[in-house]
Amino acid sequence: VIETSGVDYAALLGDQIVLAALAAEKDAAAQNALCVATAMLELRDCLVGLEQKWGTTIDFRLALDVGMVVNSTVGADPPGRNLWGAAVGIARVLADTAAMRTIDGLG
């Protein structure tokens, strides 16, 4: 899902997946939000499909926030990225408090 989504940043951080679209142009905010939201819908559908395939329930919660983030390069060959900021923090809080198998968001 992530490979075909068009998101610029994806990281597995413990039990959390962080996605971001990072076009810097001011008029790209709506397109960035649409890109991440579409990826999240596809990710949710994939997780529900895995639940059905495996005959179990996966406790997942998804959240989306739109806003400023800080993105820095880490390492050199190939460089990685580190992402943080208010939008990441708010999305984490929203995900922590969302109902199981739902997508919550601000923006």
PDB file of N, CA and C in Angstrom:
ATOM      1  N   VAL A   1       0.832  -1.192   0.000  1.00  0.00           N
ATOM      2  CA  VAL A   1       0.000   0.000   0.000  1.00  0.00           C
ATOM      3  C   VAL A   1       0.872   1.250   0.000  1.00  0.00           C
ATOM      4  N   ILE A   2       1.857   1.279   0.862  1.00  0.00           N
ATOM      5  CA  ILE A   2       2.700   2.468   1.000  1.00  0.00           C
ATOM      6  C   ILE A   2       3.527   2.708  -0.261  1.00  0.00           C
ATOM      7  N   GLU A   3       4.042   1.641  -0.852  1.00  0.00           N
ATOM      8  CA  GLU A   3       4.869   1.797  -2.047  1.00  0.00           C
ATOM      9  C   GLU A   3       4.112   2.429  -3.212  1.00  0.00           C
ATOM     10  N   THR A   4       2.832   2.191  -3.316  1.00  0.00           N
ATOM     11  CA  THR A   4       2.042   2.726  -4.435  1.00  0.00           C
ATOM     12  C   THR A   4       1.272   3.989  -4.074  1.00  0.00           C
ATOM     13  N   SER A   5       1.410   4.459  -2.837  1.00  0.00           N
ATOM     14  CA  SER A   5       0.573   5.562  -2.355  1.00  0.00           C
ATOM     15  C   SER A   5       1.018   6.950  -2.815  1.00  0.00           C
ATOM     16  N   GLY A   6       2.291   7.124  -3.072  1.00  0.00           N
ATOM     17  CA  GLY A   6       2.797   8.445  -3.402  1.00  0.00           C
ATOM     18  C   GLY A   6       3.233   9.255  -2.201  1.00  0.00           C
ATOM     19  N   VAL A   7       3.163   8.688  -0.981  1.00  0.00           N
ATOM     20  CA  VAL A   7       3.643   9.426   0.184  1.00  0.00           C
ATOM     21  C   VAL A   7       5.159   9.558   0.109  1.00  0.00           C
ATOM     22  N   ASP A   8       5.683  10.632   0.670  1.00  0.00           N
ATOM     23  CA  ASP A   8       7.122  10.892   0.631  1.00  0.00           C
ATOM     24  C   ASP A   8       7.862  10.287   1.807  1.00  0.00           C
ATOM     25  N   TYR A   9       7.141   9.990   2.883  1.00  0.00           N
ATOM     26  CA  TYR A   9       7.773   9.514   4.104  1.00  0.00           C
ATOM     27  C   TYR A   9       6.896   8.428   4.706  1.00  0.00           C
ATOM     28  N   ALA A  10       7.517   7.325   5.049  1.00  0.00           N
ATOM     29  CA  ALA A  10       6.824   6.255   5.762  1.00  0.00           C
ATOM     30  C   ALA A  10       7.827   5.611   6.704  1.00  0.00           C
ATOM     31  N   ALA A  11       7.434   5.444   7.958  1.00  0.00           N
ATOM     32  CA  ALA A  11       8.326   4.832   8.939  1.00  0.00           C
ATOM     33  C   ALA A  11       7.514   4.005   9.917  1.00  0.00           C
ATOM     34  N   LEU A  12       8.048   2.862  10.271  1.00  0.00           N
ATOM     35  CA  LEU A  12       7.476   2.028  11.312  1.00  0.00           C
ATOM     36  C   LEU A  12       8.214   2.368  12.589  1.00  0.00           C
ATOM     37  N   LEU A  13       7.482   2.937  13.551  1.00  0.00           N
ATOM     38  CA  LEU A  13       8.062   3.361  14.824  1.00  0.00           C
ATOM     39  C   LEU A  13       7.385   2.588  15.942  1.00  0.00           C
ATOM     40  N   GLY A  14       7.983   1.475  16.328  1.00  0.00           N
ATOM     41  CA  GLY A  14       7.362   0.613  17.327  1.00  0.00           C
ATOM     42  C   GLY A  14       6.100   0.011  16.755  1.00  0.00           C
ATOM     43  N   ASP A  15       4.965   0.326  17.355  1.00  0.00           N
ATOM     44  CA  ASP A  15       3.690  -0.181  16.856  1.00  0.00           C
ATOM     45  C   ASP A  15       2.943   0.867  16.040  1.00  0.00           C
ATOM     46  N   GLN A  16       3.644   1.905  15.600  1.00  0.00           N
ATOM     47  CA  GLN A  16       3.012   2.983  14.846  1.00  0.00           C
ATOM     48  C   GLN A  16       3.659   3.126  13.474  1.00  0.00           C
ATOM     49  N   ILE A  17       2.830   3.428  12.496  1.00  0.00           N
ATOM     50  CA  ILE A  17       3.311   3.751  11.157  1.00  0.00           C
ATOM     51  C   ILE A  17       3.039   5.233  10.949  1.00  0.00           C
ATOM     52  N   VAL A  18       4.065   5.979  10.581  1.00  0.00           N
ATOM     53  CA  VAL A  18       3.926   7.408  10.319  1.00  0.00           C
ATOM     54  C   VAL A  18       4.072   7.619   8.819  1.00  0.00           C
ATOM     55  N   LEU A  19       3.089   8.293   8.218  1.00  0.00           N
ATOM     56  CA  LEU A  19       3.105   8.619   6.794  1.00  0.00           C
ATOM     57  C   LEU A  19       3.065  10.129   6.633  1.00  0.00           C
ATOM     58  N   ALA A  20       3.723  10.634   5.602  1.00  0.00           N
ATOM     59  CA  ALA A  20       3.668  12.069   5.321  1.00  0.00           C
ATOM     60  C   ALA A  20       3.866  12.317   3.839  1.00  0.00           C
ATOM     61  N   ALA A  21       3.168  13.317   3.346  1.00  0.00           N
ATOM     62  CA  ALA A  21       3.412  13.869   2.015  1.00  0.00           C
ATOM     63  C   ALA A  21       4.044  15.224   2.261  1.00  0.00           C
ATOM     64  N   LEU A  22       5.164  15.492   1.608  1.00  0.00           N
ATOM     65  CA  LEU A  22       6.008  16.610   2.025  1.00  0.00           C
ATOM     66  C   LEU A  22       6.209  17.700   0.981  1.00  0.00           C
ATOM     67  N   ALA A  23       5.328  17.862   0.031  1.00  0.00           N
ATOM     68  CA  ALA A  23       5.489  18.944  -0.935  1.00  0.00           C
ATOM     69  C   ALA A  23       5.453  20.274  -0.187  1.00  0.00           C
ATOM     70  N   ALA A  24       6.440  21.105  -0.419  1.00  0.00           N
ATOM     71  CA  ALA A  24       6.600  22.337   0.355  1.00  0.00           C
ATOM     72  C   ALA A  24       5.742  23.498  -0.133  1.00  0.00           C
ATOM     73  N   GLU A  25       5.267  23.455  -1.354  1.00  0.00           N
ATOM     74  CA  GLU A  25       4.484  24.565  -1.882  1.00  0.00           C
ATOM     75  C   GLU A  25       3.205  24.740  -1.077  1.00  0.00           C
ATOM     76  N   LYS A  26       2.858  25.976  -0.787  1.00  0.00           N
ATOM     77  CA  LYS A  26       1.687  26.274   0.038  1.00  0.00           C
ATOM     78  C   LYS A  26       0.408  25.715  -0.573  1.00  0.00           C
ATOM     79  N   ASP A  27       0.268  25.796  -1.897  1.00  0.00           N
ATOM     80  CA  ASP A  27      -0.946  25.315  -2.550  1.00  0.00           C
ATOM     81  C   ASP A  27      -0.991  23.791  -2.664  1.00  0.00           C
ATOM     82  N   ALA A  28       0.050  23.086  -2.199  1.00  0.00           N
ATOM     83  CA  ALA A  28       0.084  21.626  -2.261  1.00  0.00           C
ATOM     84  C   ALA A  28      -0.517  20.971  -1.019  1.00  0.00           C
ATOM     85  N   ALA A  29      -0.904  21.746  -0.021  1.00  0.00           N
ATOM     86  CA  ALA A  29      -1.403  21.171   1.228  1.00  0.00           C
ATOM     87  C   ALA A  29      -2.602  20.255   1.008  1.00  0.00           C
ATOM     88  N   ALA A  30      -3.549  20.670   0.195  1.00  0.00           N
ATOM     89  CA  ALA A  30      -4.732  19.836  -0.048  1.00  0.00           C
ATOM     90  C   ALA A  30      -4.344  18.542  -0.749  1.00  0.00           C
ATOM     91  N   GLN A  31      -3.442  18.628  -1.719  1.00  0.00           N
ATOM     92  CA  GLN A  31      -2.992  17.425  -2.422  1.00  0.00           C
ATOM     93  C   GLN A  31      -2.218  16.498  -1.489  1.00  0.00           C
ATOM     94  N   ASN A  32      -1.380  17.068  -0.610  1.00  0.00           N
ATOM     95  CA  ASN A  32      -0.665  16.262   0.380  1.00  0.00           C
ATOM     96  C   ASN A  32      -1.637  15.530   1.291  1.00  0.00           C
ATOM     97  N   ALA A  33      -2.645  16.249   1.788  1.00  0.00           N
ATOM     98  CA  ALA A  33      -3.641  15.635   2.678  1.00  0.00           C
ATOM     99  C   ALA A  33      -4.399  14.524   1.958  1.00  0.00           C
ATOM    100  N   LEU A  34      -4.768  14.759   0.716  1.00  0.00           N
ATOM    101  CA  LEU A  34      -5.475  13.735  -0.063  1.00  0.00           C
ATOM    102  C   LEU A  34      -4.609  12.500  -0.265  1.00  0.00           C
ATOM    103  N   CYS A  35      -3.338  12.703  -0.534  1.00  0.00           N
ATOM    104  CA  CYS A  35      -2.410  11.589  -0.725  1.00  0.00           C
ATOM    105  C   CYS A  35      -2.333  10.716   0.525  1.00  0.00           C
ATOM    106  N   VAL A  36      -2.143  11.342   1.683  1.00  0.00           N
ATOM    107  CA  VAL A  36      -2.032  10.588   2.931  1.00  0.00           C
ATOM    108  C   VAL A  36      -3.370   9.959   3.308  1.00  0.00           C
ATOM    109  N   ALA A  37      -4.462  10.688   3.141  1.00  0.00           N
ATOM    110  CA  ALA A  37      -5.786  10.146   3.470  1.00  0.00           C
ATOM    111  C   ALA A  37      -6.110   8.934   2.601  1.00  0.00           C
ATOM    112  N   THR A  38      -5.793   9.007   1.329  1.00  0.00           N
ATOM    113  CA  THR A  38      -6.040   7.880   0.428  1.00  0.00           C
ATOM    114  C   THR A  38      -5.197   6.674   0.840  1.00  0.00           C
ATOM    115  N   ALA A  39      -3.937   6.927   1.189  1.00  0.00           N
ATOM    116  CA  ALA A  39      -3.073   5.837   1.654  1.00  0.00           C
ATOM    117  C   ALA A  39      -3.631   5.204   2.922  1.00  0.00           C
ATOM    118  N   MET A  40      -4.165   6.037   3.830  1.00  0.00           N
ATOM    119  CA  MET A  40      -4.719   5.505   5.069  1.00  0.00           C
ATOM    120  C   MET A  40      -5.967   4.660   4.816  1.00  0.00           C
ATOM    121  N   LEU A  41      -6.812   5.088   3.899  1.00  0.00           N
ATOM    122  CA  LEU A  41      -7.992   4.289   3.550  1.00  0.00           C
ATOM    123  C   LEU A  41      -7.576   2.934   2.978  1.00  0.00           C
ATOM    124  N   GLU A  42      -6.581   2.954   2.098  1.00  0.00           N
ATOM    125  CA  GLU A  42      -6.103   1.698   1.514  1.00  0.00           C
ATOM    126  C   GLU A  42      -5.444   0.822   2.573  1.00  0.00           C
ATOM    127  N   LEU A  43      -4.694   1.430   3.493  1.00  0.00           N
ATOM    128  CA  LEU A  43      -4.072   0.690   4.585  1.00  0.00           C
ATOM    129  C   LEU A  43      -5.132   0.062   5.478  1.00  0.00           C
ATOM    130  N   ARG A  44      -6.176   0.835   5.803  1.00  0.00           N
ATOM    131  CA  ARG A  44      -7.272   0.285   6.610  1.00  0.00           C
ATOM    132  C   ARG A  44      -7.915  -0.910   5.913  1.00  0.00           C
ATOM    133  N   ASP A  45      -8.183  -0.777   4.618  1.00  0.00           N
ATOM    134  CA  ASP A  45      -8.797  -1.875   3.869  1.00  0.00           C
ATOM    135  C   ASP A  45      -7.892  -3.102   3.840  1.00  0.00           C
ATOM    136  N   CYS A  46      -6.590  -2.881   3.724  1.00  0.00           N
ATOM    137  CA  CYS A  46      -5.628  -3.979   3.740  1.00  0.00           C
ATOM    138  C   CYS A  46      -5.630  -4.682   5.097  1.00  0.00           C
ATOM    139  N   LEU A  47      -5.651  -3.909   6.179  1.00  0.00           N
ATOM    140  CA  LEU A  47      -5.680  -4.500   7.524  1.00  0.00           C
ATOM    141  C   LEU A  47      -6.967  -5.285   7.763  1.00  0.00           C
ATOM    142  N   VAL A  48      -8.092  -4.770   7.310  1.00  0.00           N
ATOM    143  CA  VAL A  48      -9.366  -5.496   7.444  1.00  0.00           C
ATOM    144  C   VAL A  48      -9.300  -6.793   6.641  1.00  0.00           C
ATOM    145  N   GLY A  49      -8.707  -6.736   5.447  1.00  0.00           N
ATOM    146  CA  GLY A  49      -8.542  -7.945   4.639  1.00  0.00           C
ATOM    147  C   GLY A  49      -7.670  -8.982   5.329  1.00  0.00           C
ATOM    148  N   LEU A  50      -6.606  -8.531   6.000  1.00  0.00           N
ATOM    149  CA  LEU A  50      -5.754  -9.455   6.749  1.00  0.00           C
ATOM    150  C   LEU A  50      -6.516 -10.083   7.915  1.00  0.00           C
ATOM    151  N   GLU A  51      -7.355  -9.281   8.573  1.00  0.00           N
ATOM    152  CA  GLU A  51      -8.187  -9.835   9.648  1.00  0.00           C
ATOM    153  C   GLU A  51      -9.041 -10.983   9.123  1.00  0.00           C
ATOM    154  N   GLN A  52      -9.675 -10.773   7.991  1.00  0.00           N
ATOM    155  CA  GLN A  52     -10.533 -11.804   7.405  1.00  0.00           C
ATOM    156  C   GLN A  52      -9.715 -13.025   6.991  1.00  0.00           C
ATOM    157  N   LYS A  53      -8.576 -12.789   6.380  1.00  0.00           N
ATOM    158  CA  LYS A  53      -7.714 -13.879   5.916  1.00  0.00           C
ATOM    159  C   LYS A  53      -7.207 -14.717   7.083  1.00  0.00           C
ATOM    160  N   TRP A  54      -6.799 -14.038   8.161  1.00  0.00           N
ATOM    161  CA  TRP A  54      -6.225 -14.723   9.305  1.00  0.00           C
ATOM    162  C   TRP A  54      -7.272 -15.183  10.324  1.00  0.00           C
ATOM    163  N   GLY A  55      -8.522 -14.755  10.164  1.00  0.00           N
ATOM    164  CA  GLY A  55      -9.571 -15.132  11.103  1.00  0.00           C
ATOM    165  C   GLY A  55      -9.345 -14.571  12.495  1.00  0.00           C
ATOM    166  N   THR A  56      -8.873 -13.349  12.580  1.00  0.00           N
ATOM    167  CA  THR A  56      -8.588 -12.729  13.870  1.00  0.00           C
ATOM    168  C   THR A  56      -8.934 -11.246  13.803  1.00  0.00           C
ATOM    169  N   THR A  57      -8.844 -10.573  14.931  1.00  0.00           N
ATOM    170  CA  THR A  57      -9.063  -9.141  14.984  1.00  0.00           C
ATOM    171  C   THR A  57      -7.731  -8.452  15.255  1.00  0.00           C
ATOM    172  N   ILE A  58      -7.423  -7.456  14.451  1.00  0.00           N
ATOM    173  CA  ILE A  58      -6.213  -6.660  14.648  1.00  0.00           C
ATOM    174  C   ILE A  58      -6.641  -5.348  15.303  1.00  0.00           C
ATOM    175  N   ASP A  59      -6.031  -5.038  16.428  1.00  0.00           N
ATOM    176  CA  ASP A  59      -6.355  -3.809  17.148  1.00  0.00           C
ATOM    177  C   ASP A  59      -5.594  -2.653  16.512  1.00  0.00           C
ATOM    178  N   PHE A  60      -6.214  -1.981  15.546  1.00  0.00           N
ATOM    179  CA  PHE A  60      -5.548  -0.846  14.921  1.00  0.00           C
ATOM    180  C   PHE A  60      -6.440   0.377  14.959  1.00  0.00           C
ATOM    181  N   ARG A  61      -5.776   1.526  15.016  1.00  0.00           N
ATOM    182  CA  ARG A  61      -6.434   2.828  15.008  1.00  0.00           C
ATOM    183  C   ARG A  61      -5.584   3.739  14.131  1.00  0.00           C
ATOM    184  N   LEU A  62      -6.220   4.500  13.274  1.00  0.00           N
ATOM    185  CA  LEU A  62      -5.511   5.385  12.359  1.00  0.00           C
ATOM    186  C   LEU A  62      -5.930   6.825  12.609  1.00  0.00           C
ATOM    187  N   ALA A  63      -5.026   7.759  12.379  1.00  0.00           N
ATOM    188  CA  ALA A  63      -5.348   9.169  12.570  1.00  0.00           C
ATOM    189  C   ALA A  63      -4.574  10.023  11.571  1.00  0.00           C
ATOM    190  N   LEU A  64      -5.147  11.163  11.269  1.00  0.00           N
ATOM    191  CA  LEU A  64      -4.577  12.084  10.290  1.00  0.00           C
ATOM    192  C   LEU A  64      -4.655  13.499  10.837  1.00  0.00           C
ATOM    193  N   ASP A  65      -3.555  14.225  10.712  1.00  0.00           N
ATOM    194  CA  ASP A  65      -3.563  15.644  11.008  1.00  0.00           C
ATOM    195  C   ASP A  65      -2.802  16.355   9.899  1.00  0.00           C
ATOM    196  N   VAL A  66      -3.203  17.556   9.617  1.00  0.00           N
ATOM    197  CA  VAL A  66      -2.567  18.372   8.583  1.00  0.00           C
ATOM    198  C   VAL A  66      -1.881  19.541   9.266  1.00  0.00           C
ATOM    199  N   GLY A  67      -0.619  19.743   8.977  1.00  0.00           N
ATOM    200  CA  GLY A  67       0.082  20.860   9.581  1.00  0.00           C
ATOM    201  C   GLY A  67       1.567  20.783   9.334  1.00  0.00           C
ATOM    202  N   MET A  68       2.272  21.652  10.012  1.00  0.00           N
ATOM    203  CA  MET A  68       3.718  21.752   9.857  1.00  0.00           C
ATOM    204  C   MET A  68       4.425  20.580  10.530  1.00  0.00           C
ATOM    205  N   VAL A  69       5.472  20.094   9.880  1.00  0.00           N
ATOM    206  CA  VAL A  69       6.349  19.088  10.457  1.00  0.00           C
ATOM    207  C   VAL A  69       7.787  19.499  10.168  1.00  0.00           C
ATOM    208  N   VAL A  70       8.687  18.925  10.915  1.00  0.00           N
ATOM    209  CA  VAL A  70      10.109  19.131  10.689  1.00  0.00           C
ATOM    210  C   VAL A  70      10.659  17.830  10.137  1.00  0.00           C
ATOM    211  N   ASN A  71      11.425  17.933   9.077  1.00  0.00           N
ATOM    212  CA  ASN A  71      11.981  16.777   8.398  1.00  0.00           C
ATOM    213  C   ASN A  71      13.486  16.971   8.305  1.00  0.00           C
ATOM    214  N   SER A  72      14.266  16.027   8.837  1.00  0.00           N
ATOM    215  CA  SER A  72      15.713  16.166   8.746  1.00  0.00           C
ATOM    216  C   SER A  72      16.326  14.888   8.197  1.00  0.00           C
ATOM    217  N   THR A  73      17.462  15.041   7.550  1.00  0.00           N
ATOM    218  CA  THR A  73      18.197  13.910   7.012  1.00  0.00           C
ATOM    219  C   THR A  73      19.073  13.330   8.112  1.00  0.00           C
ATOM    220  N   VAL A  74      19.100  11.988   8.186  1.00  0.00           N
ATOM    221  CA  VAL A  74      19.896  11.291   9.183  1.00  0.00           C
ATOM    222  C   VAL A  74      20.808  10.318   8.452  1.00  0.00           C
ATOM    223  N   GLY A  75      22.091  10.331   8.757  1.00  0.00           N
ATOM    224  CA  GLY A  75      23.026   9.425   8.106  1.00  0.00           C
ATOM    225  C   GLY A  75      23.443   9.932   6.739  1.00  0.00           C
ATOM    226  N   ALA A  76      24.204   9.091   6.025  1.00  0.00           N
ATOM    227  CA  ALA A  76      24.758   9.566   4.766  1.00  0.00           C
ATOM    228  C   ALA A  76      24.554   8.631   3.586  1.00  0.00           C
ATOM    229  N   ASP A  77      24.613   7.326   3.747  1.00  0.00           N
ATOM    230  CA  ASP A  77      24.618   6.458   2.573  1.00  0.00           C
ATOM    231  C   ASP A  77      23.800   5.201   2.771  1.00  0.00           C
ATOM    232  N   PRO A  78      22.588   5.096   2.330  1.00  0.00           N
ATOM    233  CA  PRO A  78      21.729   6.186   1.871  1.00  0.00           C
ATOM    234  C   PRO A  78      21.162   6.920   3.076  1.00  0.00           C
ATOM    235  N   PRO A  79      20.881   8.183   2.928  1.00  0.00           N
ATOM    236  CA  PRO A  79      20.373   8.944   4.073  1.00  0.00           C
ATOM    237  C   PRO A  79      18.955   8.526   4.446  1.00  0.00           C
ATOM    238  N   GLY A  80      18.674   8.548   5.715  1.00  0.00           N
ATOM    239  CA  GLY A  80      17.329   8.338   6.201  1.00  0.00           C
ATOM    240  C   GLY A  80      16.714   9.672   6.546  1.00  0.00           C
ATOM    241  N   ARG A  81      15.489   9.630   7.018  1.00  0.00           N
ATOM    242  CA  ARG A  81      14.822  10.870   7.413  1.00  0.00           C
ATOM    243  C   ARG A  81      14.248  10.706   8.804  1.00  0.00           C
ATOM    244  N   ASN A  82      14.173  11.808   9.493  1.00  0.00           N
ATOM    245  CA  ASN A  82      13.525  11.866  10.794  1.00  0.00           C
ATOM    246  C   ASN A  82      12.431  12.928  10.682  1.00  0.00           C
ATOM    247  N   LEU A  83      11.256  12.623  11.180  1.00  0.00           N
ATOM    248  CA  LEU A  83      10.121  13.522  11.040  1.00  0.00           C
ATOM    249  C   LEU A  83       9.472  13.719  12.399  1.00  0.00           C
ATOM    250  N   TRP A  84       9.200  14.957  12.758  1.00  0.00           N
ATOM    251  CA  TRP A  84       8.498  15.247  13.999  1.00  0.00           C
ATOM    252  C   TRP A  84       7.816  16.591  13.865  1.00  0.00           C
ATOM    253  N   GLY A  85       7.021  16.920  14.846  1.00  0.00           N
ATOM    254  CA  GLY A  85       6.329  18.203  14.852  1.00  0.00           C
ATOM    255  C   GLY A  85       4.916  18.048  15.381  1.00  0.00           C
ATOM    256  N   ALA A  86       4.210  19.160  15.439  1.00  0.00           N
ATOM    257  CA  ALA A  86       2.872  19.173  16.028  1.00  0.00           C
ATOM    258  C   ALA A  86       1.916  18.226  15.303  1.00  0.00           C
ATOM    259  N   ALA A  87       1.947  18.196  13.986  1.00  0.00           N
ATOM    260  CA  ALA A  87       1.021  17.340  13.246  1.00  0.00           C
ATOM    261  C   ALA A  87       1.249  15.866  13.579  1.00  0.00           C
ATOM    262  N   VAL A  88       2.503  15.467  13.735  1.00  0.00           N
ATOM    263  CA  VAL A  88       2.812  14.082  14.092  1.00  0.00           C
ATOM    264  C   VAL A  88       2.312  13.790  15.504  1.00  0.00           C
ATOM    265  N   GLY A  89       2.580  14.696  16.429  1.00  0.00           N
ATOM    266  CA  GLY A  89       2.141  14.503  17.814  1.00  0.00           C
ATOM    267  C   GLY A  89       0.630  14.443  17.958  1.00  0.00           C
ATOM    268  N   ILE A  90      -0.065  15.325  17.270  1.00  0.00           N
ATOM    269  CA  ILE A  90      -1.532  15.336  17.349  1.00  0.00           C
ATOM    270  C   ILE A  90      -2.110  14.067  16.736  1.00  0.00           C
ATOM    271  N   ALA A  91      -1.562  13.627  15.608  1.00  0.00           N
ATOM    272  CA  ALA A  91      -2.049  12.388  14.991  1.00  0.00           C
ATOM    273  C   ALA A  91      -1.848  11.202  15.928  1.00  0.00           C
ATOM    274  N   ARG A  92      -0.737  11.175  16.652  1.00  0.00           N
ATOM    275  CA  ARG A  92      -0.502  10.085  17.616  1.00  0.00           C
ATOM    276  C   ARG A  92      -1.555  10.102  18.728  1.00  0.00           C
ATOM    277  N   VAL A  93      -1.861  11.281  19.259  1.00  0.00           N
ATOM    278  CA  VAL A  93      -2.881  11.384  20.309  1.00  0.00           C
ATOM    279  C   VAL A  93      -4.236  10.950  19.763  1.00  0.00           C
ATOM    280  N   LEU A  94      -4.578  11.409  18.561  1.00  0.00           N
ATOM    281  CA  LEU A  94      -5.850  11.019  17.949  1.00  0.00           C
ATOM    282  C   LEU A  94      -5.934   9.509  17.763  1.00  0.00           C
ATOM    283  N   ALA A  95      -4.852   8.902  17.292  1.00  0.00           N
ATOM    284  CA  ALA A  95      -4.848   7.449  17.096  1.00  0.00           C
ATOM    285  C   ALA A  95      -4.989   6.716  18.425  1.00  0.00           C
ATOM    286  N   ASP A  96      -4.306   7.214  19.450  1.00  0.00           N
ATOM    287  CA  ASP A  96      -4.375   6.573  20.768  1.00  0.00           C
ATOM    288  C   ASP A  96      -5.783   6.601  21.353  1.00  0.00           C
ATOM    289  N   THR A  97      -6.563   7.618  21.004  1.00  0.00           N
ATOM    290  CA  THR A  97      -7.892   7.773  21.593  1.00  0.00           C
ATOM    291  C   THR A  97      -9.030   7.396  20.652  1.00  0.00           C
ATOM    292  N   ALA A  98      -8.711   6.987  19.432  1.00  0.00           N
ATOM    293  CA  ALA A  98      -9.748   6.623  18.458  1.00  0.00           C
ATOM    294  C   ALA A  98     -10.329   5.253  18.783  1.00  0.00           C
ATOM    295  N   ALA A  99     -11.516   4.999  18.273  1.00  0.00           N
ATOM    296  CA  ALA A  99     -12.113   3.683  18.395  1.00  0.00           C
ATOM    297  C   ALA A  99     -11.343   2.697  17.523  1.00  0.00           C
ATOM    298  N   MET A 100     -11.311   1.443  17.948  1.00  0.00           N
ATOM    299  CA  MET A 100     -10.605   0.406  17.199  1.00  0.00           C
ATOM    300  C   MET A 100     -11.140   0.330  15.768  1.00  0.00           C
ATOM    301  N   ARG A 101     -10.224   0.186  14.811  1.00  0.00           N
ATOM    302  CA  ARG A 101     -10.522   0.001  13.377  1.00  0.00           C
ATOM    303  C   ARG A 101     -11.106   1.257  12.720  1.00  0.00           C
ATOM    304  N   THR A 102     -10.824   2.431  13.279  1.00  0.00           N
ATOM    305  CA  THR A 102     -11.346   3.663  12.707  1.00  0.00           C
ATOM    306  C   THR A 102     -10.209   4.596  12.306  1.00  0.00           C
ATOM    307  N   ILE A 103     -10.562   5.639  11.576  1.00  0.00           N
ATOM    308  CA  ILE A 103      -9.637   6.712  11.216  1.00  0.00           C
ATOM    309  C   ILE A 103     -10.184   7.989  11.823  1.00  0.00           C
ATOM    310  N   ASP A 104      -9.370   8.667  12.625  1.00  0.00           N
ATOM    311  CA  ASP A 104      -9.754   9.923  13.248  1.00  0.00           C
ATOM    312  C   ASP A 104      -8.873  11.003  12.643  1.00  0.00           C
ATOM    313  N   GLY A 105      -9.319  12.238  12.688  1.00  0.00           N
ATOM    314  CA  GLY A 105      -8.463  13.259  12.136  1.00  0.00           C
ATOM    315  C   GLY A 105      -8.899  14.677  12.407  1.00  0.00           C
ATOM    316  N   LEU A 106      -7.937  15.549  12.280  1.00  0.00           N
ATOM    317  CA  LEU A 106      -8.125  16.992  12.333  1.00  0.00           C
ATOM    318  C   LEU A 106      -7.541  17.556  11.053  1.00  0.00           C
ATOM    319  N   GLY A 107      -7.738  18.793  10.822  1.00  0.00           N
ATOM    320  CA  GLY A 107      -7.063  19.353   9.667  1.00  0.00           C
ATOM    321  C   GLY A 107      -7.563  20.680   9.251  1.00  0.00           C
TER     322      GLY A 107
END
